[in-house]
Amino acid sequence: PDATWGAAAADAPPSDTTGLLPALGYLSEAEDGGITVAPGTSTTLSFGAQSLTSTTQQIDWTATASPASGLEIGGSTGTLTLPTEAKAVQSVDIQVPASSAPGEYLVTVALRTASGTALPALVTQVDVT
């Protein structure tokens, strides 16, 4: 066999990107399985986004907690700048009031491109114990 046939970068077939999202969000490994925190303390949620295009992108994000949870998210909105086909990471503080009832609560990070395309939301569980 000819090991050089079809081996050059120019030989690769074009990718069909029709319908693909321009970026995807992700939770850091630590938050992927949830967060455990005690009432009266705080913790940090880390998340990011990966660009899937060959242009720099702005991704707007909004972090919210379950309405009945009492959890407060510091810096609950912002913008991630994603360089070409690269990642960007963001962290937010989650305050758990001392009066918080023990339970499992959800924190959701909504992601949207500058052009308005909604990306899949990131959701993690916060266990107040």
Protein backbone atom coordinates (compact mmCIF):
# COMPACT_ATOMS: atom_id res chain seq x y z
CA PRO A 1 0.00 0.00 0.00
CA ASP A 2 0.98 3.61 -0.59
CA ALA A 3 1.29 5.26 2.86
CA THR A 4 1.44 8.74 1.32
CA TRP A 5 -1.84 8.47 -0.59
CA GLY A 6 -4.53 10.61 1.11
CA ALA A 7 -2.18 11.56 3.96
CA ALA A 8 -1.78 15.29 3.27
CA ALA A 9 -3.95 17.84 5.05
CA ALA A 10 -5.31 18.98 1.69
CA ASP A 11 -6.60 15.42 1.07
CA ALA A 12 -9.08 15.57 3.95
CA PRO A 13 -12.71 15.79 2.88
CA PRO A 14 -14.51 19.04 3.66
CA SER A 15 -16.58 18.94 6.81
CA ASP A 16 -20.25 19.74 6.56
CA THR A 17 -20.95 22.17 9.41
CA THR A 18 -24.60 22.73 8.48
CA GLY A 19 -26.67 22.77 11.64
CA LEU A 20 -23.74 22.60 14.05
CA LEU A 21 -23.68 24.94 17.03
CA PRO A 22 -20.86 27.52 17.03
CA ALA A 23 -19.79 26.60 20.58
CA LEU A 24 -20.55 24.21 23.44
CA GLY A 25 -20.47 24.84 27.17
CA TYR A 26 -19.13 22.50 29.83
CA LEU A 27 -18.86 22.21 33.60
CA SER A 28 -15.47 21.66 35.18
CA GLU A 29 -14.80 18.10 36.32
CA ALA A 30 -15.40 19.00 39.97
CA GLU A 31 -18.89 20.39 39.29
CA ASP A 32 -19.93 17.72 36.79
CA GLY A 33 -21.14 15.51 39.63
CA GLY A 34 -22.54 18.33 41.77
CA ILE A 35 -21.39 20.48 44.65
CA THR A 36 -21.81 19.87 48.39
CA VAL A 37 -21.86 22.90 50.69
CA ALA A 38 -22.99 23.74 54.22
CA PRO A 39 -25.46 26.51 55.11
CA GLY A 40 -23.73 29.79 55.94
CA THR A 41 -20.81 29.13 53.58
CA SER A 42 -20.00 29.65 49.93
CA THR A 43 -18.51 27.69 47.06
CA THR A 44 -17.30 28.32 43.52
CA LEU A 45 -18.84 27.00 40.32
CA SER A 46 -16.46 26.78 37.34
CA PHE A 47 -17.68 26.39 33.78
CA GLY A 48 -16.48 27.17 30.31
CA ALA A 49 -17.21 27.07 26.60
CA GLN A 50 -15.36 25.67 23.61
CA SER A 51 -15.53 27.45 20.25
CA LEU A 52 -16.27 25.20 17.29
CA THR A 53 -15.64 27.83 14.63
CA SER A 54 -12.69 29.54 13.01
CA THR A 55 -13.66 32.98 14.34
CA THR A 56 -13.48 34.64 17.76
CA GLN A 57 -16.83 34.55 19.55
CA GLN A 58 -18.58 36.27 22.43
CA ILE A 59 -20.76 33.98 24.56
CA ASP A 60 -23.13 35.68 27.00
CA TRP A 61 -23.96 33.69 30.12
CA THR A 62 -26.44 33.97 32.97
CA ALA A 63 -26.27 31.81 36.10
CA THR A 64 -29.44 31.25 38.15
CA ALA A 65 -30.37 29.10 41.13
CA SER A 66 -33.67 27.34 41.82
CA PRO A 67 -36.05 30.09 42.97
CA ALA A 68 -36.92 28.44 46.31
CA SER A 69 -33.30 27.57 47.12
CA GLY A 70 -32.24 30.89 48.62
CA LEU A 71 -28.84 30.43 46.95
CA GLU A 72 -27.26 33.67 45.77
CA ILE A 73 -24.94 33.79 42.79
CA GLY A 74 -22.32 36.52 42.77
CA GLY A 75 -21.57 37.95 39.34
CA SER A 76 -24.50 36.10 37.80
CA THR A 77 -24.04 37.43 34.24
CA GLY A 78 -21.10 37.98 31.96
CA THR A 79 -19.47 37.33 28.62
CA LEU A 80 -16.89 34.73 27.66
CA THR A 81 -14.56 35.59 24.79
CA LEU A 82 -13.69 32.45 22.87
CA PRO A 83 -10.65 32.65 20.63
CA THR A 84 -10.75 30.68 17.38
CA GLU A 85 -11.40 27.00 18.15
CA ALA A 86 -10.35 27.51 21.78
CA LYS A 87 -11.79 27.44 25.30
CA ALA A 88 -12.54 30.07 27.90
CA VAL A 89 -13.36 29.47 31.58
CA GLN A 90 -15.43 31.41 34.11
CA SER A 91 -16.06 31.01 37.84
CA VAL A 92 -18.94 32.33 39.94
CA ASP A 93 -19.44 32.35 43.70
CA ILE A 94 -22.48 30.64 45.19
CA GLN A 95 -23.48 31.96 48.61
CA VAL A 96 -25.57 29.67 50.82
CA PRO A 97 -27.37 31.64 53.54
CA ALA A 98 -27.21 30.20 57.06
CA SER A 99 -31.00 29.91 56.97
CA SER A 100 -30.94 27.60 53.92
CA ALA A 101 -32.81 24.36 54.40
CA PRO A 102 -30.85 21.19 53.67
CA GLY A 103 -31.71 19.83 50.24
CA GLU A 104 -30.75 19.46 46.61
CA TYR A 105 -30.94 22.59 44.47
CA LEU A 106 -30.12 23.25 40.83
CA VAL A 107 -27.91 25.98 39.41
CA THR A 108 -28.32 26.62 35.69
CA VAL A 109 -25.98 28.53 33.39
CA ALA A 110 -27.71 29.73 30.21
CA LEU A 111 -25.40 30.38 27.25
CA ARG A 112 -26.15 32.48 24.17
CA THR A 113 -24.00 33.65 21.28
CA ALA A 114 -23.74 37.35 20.42
CA SER A 115 -26.03 36.66 17.43
CA GLY A 116 -28.69 35.21 19.77
CA THR A 117 -28.20 31.47 19.23
CA ALA A 118 -29.04 29.60 22.43
CA LEU A 119 -26.54 26.92 23.39
CA PRO A 120 -27.41 23.95 25.61
CA ALA A 121 -27.71 25.05 29.24
CA LEU A 122 -25.31 23.80 31.90
CA VAL A 123 -26.96 22.42 35.02
CA THR A 124 -25.34 21.28 38.25
CA GLN A 125 -26.78 20.14 41.55
CA VAL A 126 -25.90 21.92 44.78
CA ASP A 127 -26.39 19.73 47.86
CA VAL A 128 -26.89 21.82 50.99
CA THR A 129 -26.10 19.61 54.00
